[in-house]
Each structure stands twice: as structure tokens, then as C-alpha cells.
Amino acid sequence: DDPSQAQISGSAWIKTIIGVVLLIPSSIGVLVGWLLLRLRHRA
């Protein structure tokens, strides 16, 4: 629907790699944050 948004195929792999590199630590942060919220002491 918009050929003006084209990119070289090899450039797309760089976006994918950066996404994976960011997704791993952010997923761990979500998990640890959720666990901390579950473990907090309710008086």
C-alpha cells in the first residue's frame, strides 16, 4: 500500500537483531518487576 516506505532487505535484519537484543533484558525487567510487586508485604 506504500512502496515509498521500501527498505533494503539486509537493513531489516538489523532492526530485528536490535529488537531481540532489547526484548530479552526488557522481558527480564518485566518479570522481576512483577515478582517484586507480588512479594511486597501488605501490612
PDB file of all heavy atoms in Angstrom:
ATOM      1  N   ASP A   1       0.796  -1.220   0.000  1.00  0.00           N
ATOM      2  CA  ASP A   1       0.000   0.000   0.000  1.00  0.00           C
ATOM      3  C   ASP A   1       0.838   1.285   0.000  1.00  0.00           C
ATOM      4  O   ASP A   1       0.309   2.358  -0.259  1.00  0.00           O
ATOM      5  CB  ASP A   1      -0.976   0.008   1.182  1.00  0.00           C
ATOM      6  CG  ASP A   1      -0.275  -0.153   2.520  1.00  0.00           C
ATOM      7  OD1 ASP A   1       0.892  -0.571   2.544  1.00  0.00           O
ATOM      8  OD2 ASP A   1      -0.912   0.150   3.549  1.00  0.00           O
ATOM      9  N   ASP A   2       2.156   1.190   0.263  1.00  0.00           N
ATOM     10  CA  ASP A   2       3.009   2.384   0.255  1.00  0.00           C
ATOM     11  C   ASP A   2       4.437   2.014  -0.137  1.00  0.00           C
ATOM     12  O   ASP A   2       5.318   1.905   0.720  1.00  0.00           O
ATOM     13  CB  ASP A   2       2.985   3.054   1.626  1.00  0.00           C
ATOM     14  CG  ASP A   2       3.643   4.420   1.621  1.00  0.00           C
ATOM     15  OD1 ASP A   2       4.012   4.915   0.537  1.00  0.00           O
ATOM     16  OD2 ASP A   2       3.785   4.994   2.714  1.00  0.00           O
ATOM     17  N   PRO A   3       4.703   1.822  -1.436  1.00  0.00           N
ATOM     18  CA  PRO A   3       6.053   1.438  -1.877  1.00  0.00           C
ATOM     19  C   PRO A   3       7.134   2.458  -1.542  1.00  0.00           C
ATOM     20  O   PRO A   3       8.315   2.125  -1.525  1.00  0.00           O
ATOM     21  CB  PRO A   3       5.905   1.304  -3.396  1.00  0.00           C
ATOM     22  CG  PRO A   3       4.462   1.100  -3.632  1.00  0.00           C
ATOM     23  CD  PRO A   3       3.763   1.844  -2.541  1.00  0.00           C
ATOM     24  N   SER A   4       6.756   3.687  -1.222  1.00  0.00           N
ATOM     25  CA  SER A   4       7.764   4.688  -0.857  1.00  0.00           C
ATOM     26  C   SER A   4       8.430   4.363   0.484  1.00  0.00           C
ATOM     27  O   SER A   4       9.460   4.931   0.821  1.00  0.00           O
ATOM     28  CB  SER A   4       7.142   6.077  -0.807  1.00  0.00           C
ATOM     29  OG  SER A   4       6.201   6.156   0.234  1.00  0.00           O
ATOM     30  N   GLN A   5       7.855   3.443   1.243  1.00  0.00           N
ATOM     31  CA  GLN A   5       8.429   3.023   2.525  1.00  0.00           C
ATOM     32  C   GLN A   5       9.343   1.812   2.371  1.00  0.00           C
ATOM     33  O   GLN A   5       9.522   1.041   3.309  1.00  0.00           O
ATOM     34  CB  GLN A   5       7.300   2.702   3.519  1.00  0.00           C
ATOM     35  CG  GLN A   5       6.438   3.883   3.866  1.00  0.00           C
ATOM     36  CD  GLN A   5       7.236   4.969   4.571  1.00  0.00           C
ATOM     37  OE1 GLN A   5       8.037   4.694   5.447  1.00  0.00           O
ATOM     38  NE2 GLN A   5       7.034   6.201   4.152  1.00  0.00           N
ATOM     39  N   ALA A   6       9.935   1.646   1.229  1.00  0.00           N
ATOM     40  CA  ALA A   6      10.786   0.493   0.943  1.00  0.00           C
ATOM     41  C   ALA A   6      12.071   0.545   1.759  1.00  0.00           C
ATOM     42  O   ALA A   6      12.492   1.597   2.243  1.00  0.00           O
ATOM     43  CB  ALA A   6      11.116   0.462  -0.549  1.00  0.00           C
ATOM     44  N   GLN A   7      12.677  -0.611   1.886  1.00  0.00           N
ATOM     45  CA  GLN A   7      13.983  -0.719   2.533  1.00  0.00           C
ATOM     46  C   GLN A   7      14.746  -1.878   1.933  1.00  0.00           C
ATOM     47  O   GLN A   7      14.156  -2.806   1.399  1.00  0.00           O
ATOM     48  CB  GLN A   7      13.831  -0.885   4.036  1.00  0.00           C
ATOM     49  CG  GLN A   7      13.092  -2.143   4.457  1.00  0.00           C
ATOM     50  CD  GLN A   7      12.890  -2.199   5.966  1.00  0.00           C
ATOM     51  OE1 GLN A   7      13.323  -1.330   6.695  1.00  0.00           O
ATOM     52  NE2 GLN A   7      12.236  -3.239   6.426  1.00  0.00           N
ATOM     53  N   ILE A   8      16.056  -1.803   2.019  1.00  0.00           N
ATOM     54  CA  ILE A   8      16.885  -2.910   1.555  1.00  0.00           C
ATOM     55  C   ILE A   8      16.695  -4.060   2.535  1.00  0.00           C
ATOM     56  O   ILE A   8      16.692  -3.860   3.751  1.00  0.00           O
ATOM     57  CB  ILE A   8      18.365  -2.488   1.462  1.00  0.00           C
ATOM     58  CG1 ILE A   8      18.524  -1.386   0.410  1.00  0.00           C
ATOM     59  CG2 ILE A   8      19.247  -3.678   1.129  1.00  0.00           C
ATOM     60  CD1 ILE A   8      19.918  -0.810   0.314  1.00  0.00           C
ATOM     61  N   SER A   9      16.536  -5.267   2.032  1.00  0.00           N
ATOM     62  CA  SER A   9      16.229  -6.420   2.884  1.00  0.00           C
ATOM     63  C   SER A   9      17.240  -6.616   4.002  1.00  0.00           C
ATOM     64  O   SER A   9      16.881  -6.957   5.106  1.00  0.00           O
ATOM     65  CB  SER A   9      16.140  -7.687   2.039  1.00  0.00           C
ATOM     66  OG  SER A   9      15.024  -7.618   1.188  1.00  0.00           O
ATOM     67  N   GLY A  10      18.502  -6.405   3.742  1.00  0.00           N
ATOM     68  CA  GLY A  10      19.524  -6.578   4.773  1.00  0.00           C
ATOM     69  C   GLY A  10      19.362  -5.611   5.925  1.00  0.00           C
ATOM     70  O   GLY A  10      19.675  -5.927   7.070  1.00  0.00           O
ATOM     71  N   SER A  11      18.844  -4.421   5.665  1.00  0.00           N
ATOM     72  CA  SER A  11      18.623  -3.432   6.719  1.00  0.00           C
ATOM     73  C   SER A  11      17.535  -3.895   7.678  1.00  0.00           C
ATOM     74  O   SER A  11      17.544  -3.548   8.853  1.00  0.00           O
ATOM     75  CB  SER A  11      18.236  -2.090   6.114  1.00  0.00           C
ATOM     76  OG  SER A  11      19.242  -1.622   5.261  1.00  0.00           O
ATOM     77  N   ALA A  12      16.602  -4.675   7.183  1.00  0.00           N
ATOM     78  CA  ALA A  12      15.528  -5.178   8.038  1.00  0.00           C
ATOM     79  C   ALA A  12      16.069  -6.128   9.102  1.00  0.00           C
ATOM     80  O   ALA A  12      15.560  -6.170  10.222  1.00  0.00           O
ATOM     81  CB  ALA A  12      14.473  -5.870   7.188  1.00  0.00           C
ATOM     82  N   TRP A  13      17.089  -6.885   8.771  1.00  0.00           N
ATOM     83  CA  TRP A  13      17.672  -7.805   9.749  1.00  0.00           C
ATOM     84  C   TRP A  13      18.304  -7.056  10.906  1.00  0.00           C
ATOM     85  O   TRP A  13      18.287  -7.514  12.041  1.00  0.00           O
ATOM     86  CB  TRP A  13      18.685  -8.735   9.082  1.00  0.00           C
ATOM     87  CG  TRP A  13      17.998  -9.819   8.340  1.00  0.00           C
ATOM     88  CD1 TRP A  13      17.840  -9.927   6.992  1.00  0.00           C
ATOM     89  CD2 TRP A  13      17.321 -10.945   8.913  1.00  0.00           C
ATOM     90  NE1 TRP A  13      17.099 -11.043   6.691  1.00  0.00           N
ATOM     91  CE2 TRP A  13      16.776 -11.698   7.860  1.00  0.00           C
ATOM     92  CE3 TRP A  13      17.119 -11.382  10.213  1.00  0.00           C
ATOM     93  CZ2 TRP A  13      16.047 -12.856   8.062  1.00  0.00           C
ATOM     94  CZ3 TRP A  13      16.392 -12.543  10.416  1.00  0.00           C
ATOM     95  CH2 TRP A  13      15.869 -13.259   9.343  1.00  0.00           C
ATOM     96  N   ILE A  14      18.857  -5.885  10.634  1.00  0.00           N
ATOM     97  CA  ILE A  14      19.451  -5.097  11.712  1.00  0.00           C
ATOM     98  C   ILE A  14      18.372  -4.668  12.700  1.00  0.00           C
ATOM     99  O   ILE A  14      18.567  -4.741  13.916  1.00  0.00           O
ATOM    100  CB  ILE A  14      20.215  -3.886  11.130  1.00  0.00           C
ATOM    101  CG1 ILE A  14      21.426  -4.387  10.353  1.00  0.00           C
ATOM    102  CG2 ILE A  14      20.617  -2.899  12.219  1.00  0.00           C
ATOM    103  CD1 ILE A  14      22.149  -3.348   9.570  1.00  0.00           C
ATOM    104  N   LYS A  15      17.214  -4.236  12.193  1.00  0.00           N
ATOM    105  CA  LYS A  15      16.100  -3.882  13.074  1.00  0.00           C
ATOM    106  C   LYS A  15      15.667  -5.086  13.909  1.00  0.00           C
ATOM    107  O   LYS A  15      15.375  -4.948  15.091  1.00  0.00           O
ATOM    108  CB  LYS A  15      14.919  -3.371  12.254  1.00  0.00           C
ATOM    109  CG  LYS A  15      15.112  -1.981  11.718  1.00  0.00           C
ATOM    110  CD  LYS A  15      14.050  -1.571  10.731  1.00  0.00           C
ATOM    111  CE  LYS A  15      12.661  -1.601  11.246  1.00  0.00           C
ATOM    112  NZ  LYS A  15      11.682  -1.060  10.264  1.00  0.00           N
ATOM    113  N   THR A  16      15.634  -6.261  13.291  1.00  0.00           N
ATOM    114  CA  THR A  16      15.230  -7.466  14.009  1.00  0.00           C
ATOM    115  C   THR A  16      16.219  -7.799  15.115  1.00  0.00           C
ATOM    116  O   THR A  16      15.824  -8.116  16.243  1.00  0.00           O
ATOM    117  CB  THR A  16      15.101  -8.649  13.031  1.00  0.00           C
ATOM    118  OG1 THR A  16      14.193  -8.290  11.994  1.00  0.00           O
ATOM    119  CG2 THR A  16      14.608  -9.892  13.739  1.00  0.00           C
ATOM    120  N   ILE A  17      17.498  -7.716  14.822  1.00  0.00           N
ATOM    121  CA  ILE A  17      18.524  -8.028  15.822  1.00  0.00           C
ATOM    122  C   ILE A  17      18.453  -7.042  16.980  1.00  0.00           C
ATOM    123  O   ILE A  17      18.515  -7.431  18.155  1.00  0.00           O
ATOM    124  CB  ILE A  17      19.918  -8.048  15.173  1.00  0.00           C
ATOM    125  CG1 ILE A  17      20.037  -9.262  14.249  1.00  0.00           C
ATOM    126  CG2 ILE A  17      21.023  -8.066  16.225  1.00  0.00           C
ATOM    127  CD1 ILE A  17      21.256  -9.258  13.358  1.00  0.00           C
ATOM    128  N   ILE A  18      18.320  -5.757  16.677  1.00  0.00           N
ATOM    129  CA  ILE A  18      18.200  -4.752  17.741  1.00  0.00           C
ATOM    130  C   ILE A  18      16.958  -5.026  18.585  1.00  0.00           C
ATOM    131  O   ILE A  18      16.995  -4.937  19.818  1.00  0.00           O
ATOM    132  CB  ILE A  18      18.168  -3.330  17.148  1.00  0.00           C
ATOM    133  CG1 ILE A  18      19.535  -2.979  16.565  1.00  0.00           C
ATOM    134  CG2 ILE A  18      17.755  -2.301  18.195  1.00  0.00           C
ATOM    135  CD1 ILE A  18      19.555  -1.693  15.763  1.00  0.00           C
ATOM    136  N   GLY A  19      15.858  -5.412  17.941  1.00  0.00           N
ATOM    137  CA  GLY A  19      14.643  -5.742  18.673  1.00  0.00           C
ATOM    138  C   GLY A  19      14.823  -6.912  19.613  1.00  0.00           C
ATOM    139  O   GLY A  19      14.385  -6.879  20.766  1.00  0.00           O
ATOM    140  N   VAL A  20      15.504  -7.955  19.151  1.00  0.00           N
ATOM    141  CA  VAL A  20      15.748  -9.125  20.003  1.00  0.00           C
ATOM    142  C   VAL A  20      16.657  -8.757  21.168  1.00  0.00           C
ATOM    143  O   VAL A  20      16.422  -9.158  22.316  1.00  0.00           O
ATOM    144  CB  VAL A  20      16.347 -10.289  19.173  1.00  0.00           C
ATOM    145  CG1 VAL A  20      16.859 -11.398  20.065  1.00  0.00           C
ATOM    146  CG2 VAL A  20      15.304 -10.824  18.202  1.00  0.00           C
ATOM    147  N   VAL A  21      17.705  -7.969  20.879  1.00  0.00           N
ATOM    148  CA  VAL A  21      18.633  -7.555  21.935  1.00  0.00           C
ATOM    149  C   VAL A  21      17.906  -6.729  23.004  1.00  0.00           C
ATOM    150  O   VAL A  21      18.193  -6.857  24.185  1.00  0.00           O
ATOM    151  CB  VAL A  21      19.828  -6.777  21.330  1.00  0.00           C
ATOM    152  CG1 VAL A  21      20.634  -6.061  22.387  1.00  0.00           C
ATOM    153  CG2 VAL A  21      20.714  -7.724  20.532  1.00  0.00           C
ATOM    154  N   LEU A  22      16.952  -5.905  22.606  1.00  0.00           N
ATOM    155  CA  LEU A  22      16.178  -5.119  23.575  1.00  0.00           C
ATOM    156  C   LEU A  22      15.104  -5.943  24.276  1.00  0.00           C
ATOM    157  O   LEU A  22      14.777  -5.690  25.439  1.00  0.00           O
ATOM    158  CB  LEU A  22      15.515  -3.929  22.880  1.00  0.00           C
ATOM    159  CG  LEU A  22      16.413  -2.782  22.466  1.00  0.00           C
ATOM    160  CD1 LEU A  22      15.622  -1.761  21.659  1.00  0.00           C
ATOM    161  CD2 LEU A  22      17.031  -2.118  23.680  1.00  0.00           C
ATOM    162  N   LEU A  23      14.538  -6.910  23.570  1.00  0.00           N
ATOM    163  CA  LEU A  23      13.430  -7.683  24.128  1.00  0.00           C
ATOM    164  C   LEU A  23      13.868  -8.567  25.293  1.00  0.00           C
ATOM    165  O   LEU A  23      13.137  -8.700  26.280  1.00  0.00           O
ATOM    166  CB  LEU A  23      12.776  -8.537  23.039  1.00  0.00           C
ATOM    167  CG  LEU A  23      11.509  -9.278  23.443  1.00  0.00           C
ATOM    168  CD1 LEU A  23      10.420  -8.299  23.845  1.00  0.00           C
ATOM    169  CD2 LEU A  23      11.029 -10.161  22.310  1.00  0.00           C
ATOM    170  N   ILE A  24      15.042  -9.145  25.220  1.00  0.00           N
ATOM    171  CA  ILE A  24      15.491 -10.070  26.273  1.00  0.00           C
ATOM    172  C   ILE A  24      15.624  -9.363  27.625  1.00  0.00           C
ATOM    173  O   ILE A  24      14.984  -9.779  28.602  1.00  0.00           O
ATOM    174  CB  ILE A  24      16.781 -10.799  25.848  1.00  0.00           C
ATOM    175  CG1 ILE A  24      16.463 -11.721  24.668  1.00  0.00           C
ATOM    176  CG2 ILE A  24      17.381 -11.575  27.022  1.00  0.00           C
ATOM    177  CD1 ILE A  24      17.678 -12.306  23.987  1.00  0.00           C
ATOM    178  N   PRO A  25      16.431  -8.289  27.758  1.00  0.00           N
ATOM    179  CA  PRO A  25      16.523  -7.652  29.084  1.00  0.00           C
ATOM    180  C   PRO A  25      15.223  -6.984  29.527  1.00  0.00           C
ATOM    181  O   PRO A  25      14.926  -6.956  30.724  1.00  0.00           O
ATOM    182  CB  PRO A  25      17.648  -6.625  28.937  1.00  0.00           C
ATOM    183  CG  PRO A  25      17.854  -6.442  27.491  1.00  0.00           C
ATOM    184  CD  PRO A  25      17.339  -7.678  26.808  1.00  0.00           C
ATOM    185  N   SER A  26      14.440  -6.454  28.580  1.00  0.00           N
ATOM    186  CA  SER A  26      13.187  -5.825  28.993  1.00  0.00           C
ATOM    187  C   SER A  26      12.202  -6.868  29.506  1.00  0.00           C
ATOM    188  O   SER A  26      11.451  -6.604  30.440  1.00  0.00           O
ATOM    189  CB  SER A  26      12.580  -4.998  27.866  1.00  0.00           C
ATOM    190  OG  SER A  26      12.275  -5.792  26.760  1.00  0.00           O
ATOM    191  N   SER A  27      12.203  -8.058  28.932  1.00  0.00           N
ATOM    192  CA  SER A  27      11.341  -9.134  29.439  1.00  0.00           C
ATOM    193  C   SER A  27      11.766  -9.555  30.838  1.00  0.00           C
ATOM    194  O   SER A  27      10.918  -9.812  31.701  1.00  0.00           O
ATOM    195  CB  SER A  27      11.396 -10.339  28.504  1.00  0.00           C
ATOM    196  OG  SER A  27      10.925  -9.999  27.239  1.00  0.00           O
ATOM    197  N   ILE A  28      13.053  -9.601  31.066  1.00  0.00           N
ATOM    198  CA  ILE A  28      13.552  -9.928  32.415  1.00  0.00           C
ATOM    199  C   ILE A  28      13.139  -8.826  33.393  1.00  0.00           C
ATOM    200  O   ILE A  28      12.721  -9.110  34.521  1.00  0.00           O
ATOM    201  CB  ILE A  28      15.083 -10.124  32.391  1.00  0.00           C
ATOM    202  CG1 ILE A  28      15.425 -11.391  31.599  1.00  0.00           C
ATOM    203  CG2 ILE A  28      15.651 -10.204  33.808  1.00  0.00           C
ATOM    204  CD1 ILE A  28      16.896 -11.558  31.293  1.00  0.00           C
ATOM    205  N   GLY A  29      13.209  -7.555  32.971  1.00  0.00           N
ATOM    206  CA  GLY A  29      12.773  -6.453  33.821  1.00  0.00           C
ATOM    207  C   GLY A  29      11.299  -6.529  34.170  1.00  0.00           C
ATOM    208  O   GLY A  29      10.907  -6.263  35.303  1.00  0.00           O
ATOM    209  N   VAL A  30      10.470  -6.908  33.191  1.00  0.00           N
ATOM    210  CA  VAL A  30       9.039  -7.076  33.443  1.00  0.00           C
ATOM    211  C   VAL A  30       8.818  -8.188  34.464  1.00  0.00           C
ATOM    212  O   VAL A  30       8.037  -8.039  35.415  1.00  0.00           O
ATOM    213  CB  VAL A  30       8.271  -7.367  32.133  1.00  0.00           C
ATOM    214  CG1 VAL A  30       6.857  -7.838  32.416  1.00  0.00           C
ATOM    215  CG2 VAL A  30       8.249  -6.132  31.244  1.00  0.00           C
ATOM    216  N   LEU A  31       9.510  -9.294  34.282  1.00  0.00           N
ATOM    217  CA  LEU A  31       9.361 -10.436  35.201  1.00  0.00           C
ATOM    218  C   LEU A  31       9.798 -10.074  36.620  1.00  0.00           C
ATOM    219  O   LEU A  31       9.084 -10.343  37.587  1.00  0.00           O
ATOM    220  CB  LEU A  31      10.149 -11.636  34.675  1.00  0.00           C
ATOM    221  CG  LEU A  31      10.120 -12.886  35.545  1.00  0.00           C
ATOM    222  CD1 LEU A  31       8.708 -13.437  35.618  1.00  0.00           C
ATOM    223  CD2 LEU A  31      11.076 -13.929  35.010  1.00  0.00           C
ATOM    224  N   VAL A  32      10.960  -9.452  36.758  1.00  0.00           N
ATOM    225  CA  VAL A  32      11.464  -9.087  38.083  1.00  0.00           C
ATOM    226  C   VAL A  32      10.548  -8.040  38.726  1.00  0.00           C
ATOM    227  O   VAL A  32      10.230  -8.132  39.919  1.00  0.00           O
ATOM    228  CB  VAL A  32      12.926  -8.581  37.992  1.00  0.00           C
ATOM    229  CG1 VAL A  32      13.386  -7.977  39.314  1.00  0.00           C
ATOM    230  CG2 VAL A  32      13.844  -9.711  37.584  1.00  0.00           C
ATOM    231  N   GLY A  33      10.097  -7.057  37.951  1.00  0.00           N
ATOM    232  CA  GLY A  33       9.173  -6.058  38.484  1.00  0.00           C
ATOM    233  C   GLY A  33       7.879  -6.679  38.961  1.00  0.00           C
ATOM    234  O   GLY A  33       7.371  -6.350  40.041  1.00  0.00           O
ATOM    235  N   TRP A  34       7.342  -7.609  38.183  1.00  0.00           N
ATOM    236  CA  TRP A  34       6.107  -8.297  38.577  1.00  0.00           C
ATOM    237  C   TRP A  34       6.327  -9.098  39.849  1.00  0.00           C
ATOM    238  O   TRP A  34       5.492  -9.088  40.754  1.00  0.00           O
ATOM    239  CB  TRP A  34       5.643  -9.198  37.431  1.00  0.00           C
ATOM    240  CG  TRP A  34       4.395  -9.958  37.739  1.00  0.00           C
ATOM    241  CD1 TRP A  34       3.118  -9.506  37.716  1.00  0.00           C
ATOM    242  CD2 TRP A  34       4.323 -11.331  38.142  1.00  0.00           C
ATOM    243  NE1 TRP A  34       2.256 -10.507  38.063  1.00  0.00           N
ATOM    244  CE2 TRP A  34       2.968 -11.637  38.330  1.00  0.00           C
ATOM    245  CE3 TRP A  34       5.276 -12.314  38.349  1.00  0.00           C
ATOM    246  CZ2 TRP A  34       2.546 -12.895  38.731  1.00  0.00           C
ATOM    247  CZ3 TRP A  34       4.857 -13.576  38.751  1.00  0.00           C
ATOM    248  CH2 TRP A  34       3.495 -13.849  38.937  1.00  0.00           C
ATOM    249  N   LEU A  35       7.478  -9.803  39.934  1.00  0.00           N
ATOM    250  CA  LEU A  35       7.766 -10.585  41.146  1.00  0.00           C
ATOM    251  C   LEU A  35       7.905  -9.692  42.374  1.00  0.00           C
ATOM    252  O   LEU A  35       7.430 -10.039  43.454  1.00  0.00           O
ATOM    253  CB  LEU A  35       9.037 -11.420  40.949  1.00  0.00           C
ATOM    254  CG  LEU A  35       8.893 -12.649  40.058  1.00  0.00           C
ATOM    255  CD1 LEU A  35      10.259 -13.285  39.812  1.00  0.00           C
ATOM    256  CD2 LEU A  35       7.940 -13.660  40.671  1.00  0.00           C
ATOM    257  N   LEU A  36       8.559  -8.560  42.210  1.00  0.00           N
ATOM    258  CA  LEU A  36       8.693  -7.644  43.347  1.00  0.00           C
ATOM    259  C   LEU A  36       7.334  -7.142  43.812  1.00  0.00           C
ATOM    260  O   LEU A  36       7.090  -7.011  45.020  1.00  0.00           O
ATOM    261  CB  LEU A  36       9.590  -6.462  42.971  1.00  0.00           C
ATOM    262  CG  LEU A  36      11.075  -6.763  42.893  1.00  0.00           C
ATOM    263  CD1 LEU A  36      11.831  -5.571  42.326  1.00  0.00           C
ATOM    264  CD2 LEU A  36      11.627  -7.153  44.257  1.00  0.00           C
ATOM    265  N   LEU A  37       6.441  -6.852  42.871  1.00  0.00           N
ATOM    266  CA  LEU A  37       5.100  -6.421  43.263  1.00  0.00           C
ATOM    267  C   LEU A  37       4.336  -7.528  43.977  1.00  0.00           C
ATOM    268  O   LEU A  37       3.553  -7.265  44.900  1.00  0.00           O
ATOM    269  CB  LEU A  37       4.317  -5.938  42.042  1.00  0.00           C
ATOM    270  CG  LEU A  37       4.783  -4.606  41.461  1.00  0.00           C
ATOM    271  CD1 LEU A  37       4.056  -4.325  40.154  1.00  0.00           C
ATOM    272  CD2 LEU A  37       4.561  -3.482  42.451  1.00  0.00           C
ATOM    273  N   ARG A  38       4.545  -8.759  43.561  1.00  0.00           N
ATOM    274  CA  ARG A  38       3.863  -9.892  44.208  1.00  0.00           C
ATOM    275  C   ARG A  38       4.427 -10.163  45.603  1.00  0.00           C
ATOM    276  O   ARG A  38       3.713 -10.651  46.473  1.00  0.00           O
ATOM    277  CB  ARG A  38       4.011 -11.155  43.356  1.00  0.00           C
ATOM    278  CG  ARG A  38       3.386 -11.087  41.991  1.00  0.00           C
ATOM    279  CD  ARG A  38       1.907 -11.249  41.990  1.00  0.00           C
ATOM    280  NE  ARG A  38       1.566 -12.587  42.440  1.00  0.00           N
ATOM    281  CZ  ARG A  38       0.384 -12.917  42.941  1.00  0.00           C
ATOM    282  NH1 ARG A  38      -0.556 -12.041  43.017  1.00  0.00           N
ATOM    283  NH2 ARG A  38       0.149 -14.140  43.339  1.00  0.00           N
ATOM    284  N   LEU A  39       5.715  -9.866  45.801  1.00  0.00           N
ATOM    285  CA  LEU A  39       6.362 -10.178  47.074  1.00  0.00           C
ATOM    286  C   LEU A  39       6.264  -9.068  48.122  1.00  0.00           C
ATOM    287  O   LEU A  39       6.636  -9.274  49.266  1.00  0.00           O
ATOM    288  CB  LEU A  39       7.848 -10.501  46.844  1.00  0.00           C
ATOM    289  CG  LEU A  39       8.148 -11.774  46.067  1.00  0.00           C
ATOM    290  CD1 LEU A  39       9.639 -11.888  45.794  1.00  0.00           C
ATOM    291  CD2 LEU A  39       7.658 -12.994  46.831  1.00  0.00           C
ATOM    292  N   ARG A  40       5.799  -7.912  47.697  1.00  0.00           N
ATOM    293  CA  ARG A  40       5.751  -6.811  48.668  1.00  0.00           C
ATOM    294  C   ARG A  40       4.852  -7.181  49.837  1.00  0.00           C
ATOM    295  O   ARG A  40       3.857  -7.886  49.694  1.00  0.00           O
ATOM    296  CB  ARG A  40       5.328  -5.521  48.003  1.00  0.00           C
ATOM    297  CG  ARG A  40       3.888  -5.505  47.617  1.00  0.00           C
ATOM    298  CD  ARG A  40       3.505  -4.218  46.977  1.00  0.00           C
ATOM    299  NE  ARG A  40       2.131  -4.370  46.483  1.00  0.00           N
ATOM    300  CZ  ARG A  40       1.618  -3.645  45.571  1.00  0.00           C
ATOM    301  NH1 ARG A  40       2.327  -2.695  45.016  1.00  0.00           N
ATOM    302  NH2 ARG A  40       0.376  -3.839  45.177  1.00  0.00           N
ATOM    303  N   HIS A  41       5.225  -6.704  50.961  1.00  0.00           N
ATOM    304  CA  HIS A  41       4.500  -7.037  52.192  1.00  0.00           C
ATOM    305  C   HIS A  41       3.321  -6.115  52.367  1.00  0.00           C
ATOM    306  O   HIS A  41       3.451  -4.902  52.321  1.00  0.00           O
ATOM    307  CB  HIS A  41       5.436  -6.907  53.396  1.00  0.00           C
ATOM    308  CG  HIS A  41       4.774  -7.168  54.693  1.00  0.00           C
ATOM    309  ND1 HIS A  41       4.208  -8.372  55.006  1.00  0.00           N
ATOM    310  CD2 HIS A  41       4.579  -6.390  55.766  1.00  0.00           C
ATOM    311  CE1 HIS A  41       3.685  -8.313  56.216  1.00  0.00           C
ATOM    312  NE2 HIS A  41       3.913  -7.113  56.710  1.00  0.00           N
ATOM    313  N   ARG A  42       2.173  -6.683  52.523  1.00  0.00           N
ATOM    314  CA  ARG A  42       0.981  -5.899  52.826  1.00  0.00           C
ATOM    315  C   ARG A  42       0.825  -5.922  54.360  1.00  0.00           C
ATOM    316  O   ARG A  42       0.712  -6.991  54.944  1.00  0.00           O
ATOM    317  CB  ARG A  42      -0.249  -6.469  52.148  1.00  0.00           C
ATOM    318  CG  ARG A  42      -0.142  -6.416  50.632  1.00  0.00           C
ATOM    319  CD  ARG A  42      -1.443  -6.907  50.029  1.00  0.00           C
ATOM    320  NE  ARG A  42      -1.300  -7.076  48.608  1.00  0.00           N
ATOM    321  CZ  ARG A  42      -1.639  -6.160  47.719  1.00  0.00           C
ATOM    322  NH1 ARG A  42      -2.137  -5.016  48.112  1.00  0.00           N
ATOM    323  NH2 ARG A  42      -1.487  -6.388  46.439  1.00  0.00           N
ATOM    324  N   ALA A  43       0.855  -4.766  54.894  1.00  0.00           N
ATOM    325  CA  ALA A  43       0.790  -4.673  56.360  1.00  0.00           C
ATOM    326  C   ALA A  43      -0.519  -5.273  56.860  1.00  0.00           C
ATOM    327  O   ALA A  43      -1.592  -4.944  56.387  1.00  0.00           O
ATOM    328  CB  ALA A  43       0.898  -3.217  56.791  1.00  0.00           C
TER     329      ALA A  43
END
